[in-house]
Amino acid sequence: MLNGVNRRIDRWRTAAGRATVVPFTVRLGIALTGLLTVGVSWPADLMADPKFMLPALAAVFWPVAAPRGRGGTAVALTAIAGWLIDTAGFGSPVELWRVLALATLLYLGHTLTALAAVLPYDAIVNFDVPALWLGRALLVVLLSAVVIVLALGLTADLGGEAFQLATLVGLVAATTVTMVLTRMARRE
């Protein structure tokens, strides 16, 4: 077992010595978005307590160290748990800026993790690659924010059974699209 740990440490040392600027910067972006995500979603009282802060930080830095694994999911679940604890447990109000910030940070963290997963740590890449990647992601975030704000404006005008029916139809459509895409992915 000790041999395995020593080999892993040697591989990490070699990787750190061969790392180039762009992949390292992408991984720093993953860490920054993860930290901001946890900061937006979790109550400040709990983040001051080490027994809550240390597992959250471990989840945040997991995709930085291993972007091909389940680290991105761990960050998202940590953020969701913090959001639920803050809103349901501590009674914090649901505010639009927090919802938009959390969605933005989760999406940016996810897309940076995906980029880091396909970008070797020692790749020599122009800064144009992550800049275009982030530009597309920010465009998606901006369009999504506009749609969310418009939808929230419509929910204030609509109400009752029509709104509930539209919500159910939307959920069924989203579920159907997810199932179709999953089947298509399994065929290939």
C-alpha atoms as a PDB file:
ATOM      1  CA  MET A   1       0.000   0.000   0.000  1.00  0.00           C
ATOM      2  CA  LEU A   2       2.837   2.387   0.820  1.00  0.00           C
ATOM      3  CA  ASN A   3       4.389   1.719  -2.588  1.00  0.00           C
ATOM      4  CA  GLY A   4       1.137   2.749  -4.278  1.00  0.00           C
ATOM      5  CA  VAL A   5       0.983   5.995  -2.300  1.00  0.00           C
ATOM      6  CA  ASN A   6       4.635   6.759  -3.102  1.00  0.00           C
ATOM      7  CA  ARG A   7       4.051   6.131  -6.814  1.00  0.00           C
ATOM      8  CA  ARG A   8       1.027   8.420  -6.801  1.00  0.00           C
ATOM      9  CA  ILE A   9       2.994  11.181  -5.055  1.00  0.00           C
ATOM     10  CA  ASP A  10       5.790  10.782  -7.603  1.00  0.00           C
ATOM     11  CA  ARG A  11       3.294  11.061 -10.472  1.00  0.00           C
ATOM     12  CA  TRP A  12       1.828  14.241  -8.974  1.00  0.00           C
ATOM     13  CA  ARG A  13       5.321  15.673  -8.516  1.00  0.00           C
ATOM     14  CA  THR A  14       6.151  14.908 -12.144  1.00  0.00           C
ATOM     15  CA  ALA A  15       2.849  16.390 -13.313  1.00  0.00           C
ATOM     16  CA  ALA A  16       3.411  19.572 -11.301  1.00  0.00           C
ATOM     17  CA  GLY A  17       6.864  19.942 -12.826  1.00  0.00           C
ATOM     18  CA  ARG A  18       5.563  19.538 -16.379  1.00  0.00           C
ATOM     19  CA  ALA A  19       2.386  21.622 -16.012  1.00  0.00           C
ATOM     20  CA  THR A  20       1.967  24.553 -18.373  1.00  0.00           C
ATOM     21  CA  VAL A  21       0.245  27.886 -17.840  1.00  0.00           C
ATOM     22  CA  VAL A  22      -3.114  27.416 -19.595  1.00  0.00           C
ATOM     23  CA  PRO A  23      -4.118  24.082 -18.007  1.00  0.00           C
ATOM     24  CA  PHE A  24      -2.963  25.411 -14.630  1.00  0.00           C
ATOM     25  CA  THR A  25      -5.037  28.577 -15.131  1.00  0.00           C
ATOM     26  CA  VAL A  26      -8.093  26.498 -16.071  1.00  0.00           C
ATOM     27  CA  ARG A  27      -7.698  24.506 -12.862  1.00  0.00           C
ATOM     28  CA  LEU A  28      -7.361  27.727 -10.884  1.00  0.00           C
ATOM     29  CA  GLY A  29     -10.631  28.817 -12.488  1.00  0.00           C
ATOM     30  CA  ILE A  30     -12.250  25.577 -11.318  1.00  0.00           C
ATOM     31  CA  ALA A  31     -11.046  26.255  -7.774  1.00  0.00           C
ATOM     32  CA  LEU A  32     -12.234  29.877  -7.858  1.00  0.00           C
ATOM     33  CA  THR A  33     -15.701  29.026  -9.171  1.00  0.00           C
ATOM     34  CA  GLY A  34     -15.990  26.197  -6.645  1.00  0.00           C
ATOM     35  CA  LEU A  35     -15.060  28.455  -3.748  1.00  0.00           C
ATOM     36  CA  LEU A  36     -17.475  31.140  -4.915  1.00  0.00           C
ATOM     37  CA  THR A  37     -20.219  28.539  -5.397  1.00  0.00           C
ATOM     38  CA  VAL A  38     -19.840  27.299  -1.836  1.00  0.00           C
ATOM     39  CA  GLY A  39     -19.653  30.888  -0.605  1.00  0.00           C
ATOM     40  CA  VAL A  40     -22.910  31.822  -2.314  1.00  0.00           C
ATOM     41  CA  SER A  41     -24.821  28.692  -1.360  1.00  0.00           C
ATOM     42  CA  TRP A  42     -23.784  27.914   2.206  1.00  0.00           C
ATOM     43  CA  PRO A  43     -24.681  29.990   5.278  1.00  0.00           C
ATOM     44  CA  ALA A  44     -21.720  31.983   6.599  1.00  0.00           C
ATOM     45  CA  ASP A  45     -22.276  30.637  10.130  1.00  0.00           C
ATOM     46  CA  LEU A  46     -21.641  27.074   8.993  1.00  0.00           C
ATOM     47  CA  MET A  47     -18.677  27.947   6.801  1.00  0.00           C
ATOM     48  CA  ALA A  48     -16.951  29.411   9.846  1.00  0.00           C
ATOM     49  CA  ASP A  49     -17.139  25.971  11.500  1.00  0.00           C
ATOM     50  CA  PRO A  50     -14.251  23.678  10.406  1.00  0.00           C
ATOM     51  CA  LYS A  51     -16.370  20.509  10.541  1.00  0.00           C
ATOM     52  CA  PHE A  52     -18.531  21.931   7.714  1.00  0.00           C
ATOM     53  CA  MET A  53     -15.853  23.954   5.941  1.00  0.00           C
ATOM     54  CA  LEU A  54     -13.268  21.179   5.483  1.00  0.00           C
ATOM     55  CA  PRO A  55     -15.577  18.697   3.674  1.00  0.00           C
ATOM     56  CA  ALA A  56     -16.868  21.543   1.483  1.00  0.00           C
ATOM     57  CA  LEU A  57     -13.295  22.541   0.616  1.00  0.00           C
ATOM     58  CA  ALA A  58     -12.422  18.909  -0.118  1.00  0.00           C
ATOM     59  CA  ALA A  59     -15.337  18.760  -2.548  1.00  0.00           C
ATOM     60  CA  VAL A  60     -14.279  22.059  -4.147  1.00  0.00           C
ATOM     61  CA  PHE A  61     -10.697  20.943  -4.774  1.00  0.00           C
ATOM     62  CA  TRP A  62     -11.586  17.437  -5.944  1.00  0.00           C
ATOM     63  CA  PRO A  63     -12.276  18.465  -9.589  1.00  0.00           C
ATOM     64  CA  VAL A  64      -9.135  20.614  -9.547  1.00  0.00           C
ATOM     65  CA  ALA A  65      -7.008  17.557  -8.808  1.00  0.00           C
ATOM     66  CA  ALA A  66      -9.017  15.046 -10.856  1.00  0.00           C
ATOM     67  CA  PRO A  67     -11.280  16.753 -13.430  1.00  0.00           C
ATOM     68  CA  ARG A  68     -12.165  13.479 -15.154  1.00  0.00           C
ATOM     69  CA  GLY A  69     -13.799  12.024 -12.062  1.00  0.00           C
ATOM     70  CA  ARG A  70     -16.941  12.793 -10.126  1.00  0.00           C
ATOM     71  CA  GLY A  71     -15.560  15.970  -8.551  1.00  0.00           C
ATOM     72  CA  GLY A  72     -17.821  18.299 -10.515  1.00  0.00           C
ATOM     73  CA  THR A  73     -20.840  16.390  -9.268  1.00  0.00           C
ATOM     74  CA  ALA A  74     -19.504  16.592  -5.717  1.00  0.00           C
ATOM     75  CA  VAL A  75     -19.240  20.388  -5.977  1.00  0.00           C
ATOM     76  CA  ALA A  76     -22.770  20.660  -7.365  1.00  0.00           C
ATOM     77  CA  LEU A  77     -24.209  18.420  -4.637  1.00  0.00           C
ATOM     78  CA  THR A  78     -22.296  20.349  -1.978  1.00  0.00           C
ATOM     79  CA  ALA A  79     -23.708  23.616  -3.301  1.00  0.00           C
ATOM     80  CA  ILE A  80     -27.240  22.228  -3.470  1.00  0.00           C
ATOM     81  CA  ALA A  81     -26.959  20.895   0.079  1.00  0.00           C
ATOM     82  CA  GLY A  82     -25.740  24.289   1.271  1.00  0.00           C
ATOM     83  CA  TRP A  83     -28.560  26.053  -0.544  1.00  0.00           C
ATOM     84  CA  LEU A  84     -31.164  23.767   1.012  1.00  0.00           C
ATOM     85  CA  ILE A  85     -29.640  24.141   4.467  1.00  0.00           C
ATOM     86  CA  ASP A  86     -29.546  27.919   4.107  1.00  0.00           C
ATOM     87  CA  THR A  87     -33.044  28.393   2.719  1.00  0.00           C
ATOM     88  CA  ALA A  88     -34.947  25.590   4.444  1.00  0.00           C
ATOM     89  CA  GLY A  89     -32.930  25.205   7.620  1.00  0.00           C
ATOM     90  CA  PHE A  90     -31.889  28.784   8.327  1.00  0.00           C
ATOM     91  CA  GLY A  91     -34.890  30.435   6.684  1.00  0.00           C
ATOM     92  CA  SER A  92     -32.893  32.674   4.349  1.00  0.00           C
ATOM     93  CA  PRO A  93     -35.010  34.248   1.611  1.00  0.00           C
ATOM     94  CA  VAL A  94     -34.602  33.097  -1.965  1.00  0.00           C
ATOM     95  CA  GLU A  95     -33.166  36.118  -3.751  1.00  0.00           C
ATOM     96  CA  LEU A  96     -32.787  36.505  -7.497  1.00  0.00           C
ATOM     97  CA  TRP A  97     -29.115  37.523  -7.360  1.00  0.00           C
ATOM     98  CA  ARG A  98     -28.219  34.397  -5.363  1.00  0.00           C
ATOM     99  CA  VAL A  99     -30.119  32.107  -7.731  1.00  0.00           C
ATOM    100  CA  LEU A 100     -28.462  33.661 -10.779  1.00  0.00           C
ATOM    101  CA  ALA A 101     -25.025  33.665  -9.128  1.00  0.00           C
ATOM    102  CA  LEU A 102     -25.346  30.040  -8.069  1.00  0.00           C
ATOM    103  CA  ALA A 103     -26.538  28.907 -11.509  1.00  0.00           C
ATOM    104  CA  THR A 104     -23.762  30.892 -13.201  1.00  0.00           C
ATOM    105  CA  LEU A 105     -21.033  29.576 -10.937  1.00  0.00           C
ATOM    106  CA  LEU A 106     -22.233  25.982 -11.189  1.00  0.00           C
ATOM    107  CA  TYR A 107     -22.307  26.187 -14.977  1.00  0.00           C
ATOM    108  CA  LEU A 108     -18.897  27.861 -15.223  1.00  0.00           C
ATOM    109  CA  GLY A 109     -17.395  25.331 -12.830  1.00  0.00           C
ATOM    110  CA  HIS A 110     -18.914  22.503 -14.845  1.00  0.00           C
ATOM    111  CA  THR A 111     -17.678  23.806 -18.182  1.00  0.00           C
ATOM    112  CA  LEU A 112     -14.185  24.544 -16.825  1.00  0.00           C
ATOM    113  CA  THR A 113     -14.044  21.027 -15.379  1.00  0.00           C
ATOM    114  CA  ALA A 114     -15.018  19.629 -18.777  1.00  0.00           C
ATOM    115  CA  LEU A 115     -12.262  21.689 -20.419  1.00  0.00           C
ATOM    116  CA  ALA A 116      -9.707  20.544 -17.850  1.00  0.00           C
ATOM    117  CA  ALA A 117     -10.770  16.924 -18.398  1.00  0.00           C
ATOM    118  CA  VAL A 118      -9.792  17.056 -22.080  1.00  0.00           C
ATOM    119  CA  LEU A 119      -6.834  19.397 -21.669  1.00  0.00           C
ATOM    120  CA  PRO A 120      -3.663  17.583 -20.590  1.00  0.00           C
ATOM    121  CA  TYR A 121      -1.810  19.320 -17.769  1.00  0.00           C
ATOM    122  CA  ASP A 122       1.294  19.677 -19.923  1.00  0.00           C
ATOM    123  CA  ALA A 123      -0.436  20.871 -23.120  1.00  0.00           C
ATOM    124  CA  ILE A 124       0.887  23.946 -24.842  1.00  0.00           C
ATOM    125  CA  VAL A 125      -2.239  25.897 -25.723  1.00  0.00           C
ATOM    126  CA  ASN A 126      -2.931  29.499 -26.679  1.00  0.00           C
ATOM    127  CA  PHE A 127      -5.046  31.537 -24.300  1.00  0.00           C
ATOM    128  CA  ASP A 128      -7.561  31.792 -27.157  1.00  0.00           C
ATOM    129  CA  VAL A 129      -8.803  28.266 -26.443  1.00  0.00           C
ATOM    130  CA  PRO A 130     -10.043  28.859 -22.885  1.00  0.00           C
ATOM    131  CA  ALA A 131     -11.059  32.423 -23.779  1.00  0.00           C
ATOM    132  CA  LEU A 132     -13.390  31.193 -26.554  1.00  0.00           C
ATOM    133  CA  TRP A 133     -14.595  28.385 -24.278  1.00  0.00           C
ATOM    134  CA  LEU A 134     -15.444  30.848 -21.513  1.00  0.00           C
ATOM    135  CA  GLY A 135     -16.934  33.312 -23.989  1.00  0.00           C
ATOM    136  CA  ARG A 136     -19.427  30.692 -25.147  1.00  0.00           C
ATOM    137  CA  ALA A 137     -20.175  29.736 -21.556  1.00  0.00           C
ATOM    138  CA  LEU A 138     -20.769  33.359 -20.577  1.00  0.00           C
ATOM    139  CA  LEU A 139     -23.092  33.795 -23.553  1.00  0.00           C
ATOM    140  CA  VAL A 140     -25.105  30.788 -22.373  1.00  0.00           C
ATOM    141  CA  VAL A 141     -25.178  32.219 -18.839  1.00  0.00           C
ATOM    142  CA  LEU A 142     -26.326  35.625 -20.073  1.00  0.00           C
ATOM    143  CA  LEU A 143     -29.096  34.200 -22.249  1.00  0.00           C
ATOM    144  CA  SER A 144     -30.208  31.919 -19.423  1.00  0.00           C
ATOM    145  CA  ALA A 145     -30.333  34.838 -16.989  1.00  0.00           C
ATOM    146  CA  VAL A 146     -32.483  36.830 -19.398  1.00  0.00           C
ATOM    147  CA  VAL A 147     -34.867  33.888 -19.827  1.00  0.00           C
ATOM    148  CA  ILE A 148     -35.048  33.385 -16.039  1.00  0.00           C
ATOM    149  CA  VAL A 149     -35.844  37.041 -15.408  1.00  0.00           C
ATOM    150  CA  LEU A 150     -38.507  37.032 -18.144  1.00  0.00           C
ATOM    151  CA  ALA A 151     -39.996  33.809 -16.783  1.00  0.00           C
ATOM    152  CA  LEU A 152     -40.109  35.239 -13.279  1.00  0.00           C
ATOM    153  CA  GLY A 153     -41.845  38.316 -14.655  1.00  0.00           C
ATOM    154  CA  LEU A 154     -44.437  36.092 -16.302  1.00  0.00           C
ATOM    155  CA  THR A 155     -44.989  34.122 -13.110  1.00  0.00           C
ATOM    156  CA  ALA A 156     -45.935  37.327 -11.343  1.00  0.00           C
ATOM    157  CA  ASP A 157     -48.561  37.981 -14.036  1.00  0.00           C
ATOM    158  CA  LEU A 158     -49.770  34.409 -14.345  1.00  0.00           C
ATOM    159  CA  GLY A 159     -51.070  32.355 -11.511  1.00  0.00           C
ATOM    160  CA  GLY A 160     -53.349  29.549 -10.513  1.00  0.00           C
ATOM    161  CA  GLU A 161     -54.062  26.452 -12.556  1.00  0.00           C
ATOM    162  CA  ALA A 162     -52.705  27.740 -15.884  1.00  0.00           C
ATOM    163  CA  PHE A 163     -49.277  28.298 -14.364  1.00  0.00           C
ATOM    164  CA  GLN A 164     -49.307  24.884 -12.662  1.00  0.00           C
ATOM    165  CA  LEU A 165     -50.271  23.209 -15.926  1.00  0.00           C
ATOM    166  CA  ALA A 166     -47.491  25.027 -17.812  1.00  0.00           C
ATOM    167  CA  THR A 167     -44.997  23.986 -15.127  1.00  0.00           C
ATOM    168  CA  LEU A 168     -46.029  20.335 -15.381  1.00  0.00           C
ATOM    169  CA  VAL A 169     -45.856  20.394 -19.191  1.00  0.00           C
ATOM    170  CA  GLY A 170     -42.379  21.929 -18.985  1.00  0.00           C
ATOM    171  CA  LEU A 171     -41.201  19.273 -16.538  1.00  0.00           C
ATOM    172  CA  VAL A 172     -42.574  16.484 -18.730  1.00  0.00           C
ATOM    173  CA  ALA A 173     -40.885  17.994 -21.788  1.00  0.00           C
ATOM    174  CA  ALA A 174     -37.545  18.318 -19.969  1.00  0.00           C
ATOM    175  CA  THR A 175     -37.766  14.733 -18.738  1.00  0.00           C
ATOM    176  CA  THR A 176     -38.654  13.470 -22.211  1.00  0.00           C
ATOM    177  CA  VAL A 177     -35.749  15.303 -23.837  1.00  0.00           C
ATOM    178  CA  THR A 178     -33.369  13.923 -21.204  1.00  0.00           C
ATOM    179  CA  MET A 179     -34.580  10.372 -21.796  1.00  0.00           C
ATOM    180  CA  VAL A 180     -34.269  10.708 -25.584  1.00  0.00           C
ATOM    181  CA  LEU A 181     -30.750  12.132 -25.314  1.00  0.00           C
ATOM    182  CA  THR A 182     -29.741   9.350 -22.919  1.00  0.00           C
ATOM    183  CA  ARG A 183     -30.975   6.687 -25.329  1.00  0.00           C
ATOM    184  CA  MET A 184     -29.196   8.347 -28.227  1.00  0.00           C
ATOM    185  CA  ALA A 185     -25.948   8.471 -26.243  1.00  0.00           C
ATOM    186  CA  ARG A 186     -26.203   4.776 -25.368  1.00  0.00           C
ATOM    187  CA  ARG A 187     -26.647   3.788 -29.024  1.00  0.00           C
ATOM    188  CA  GLU A 188     -23.357   5.363 -30.029  1.00  0.00           C
END
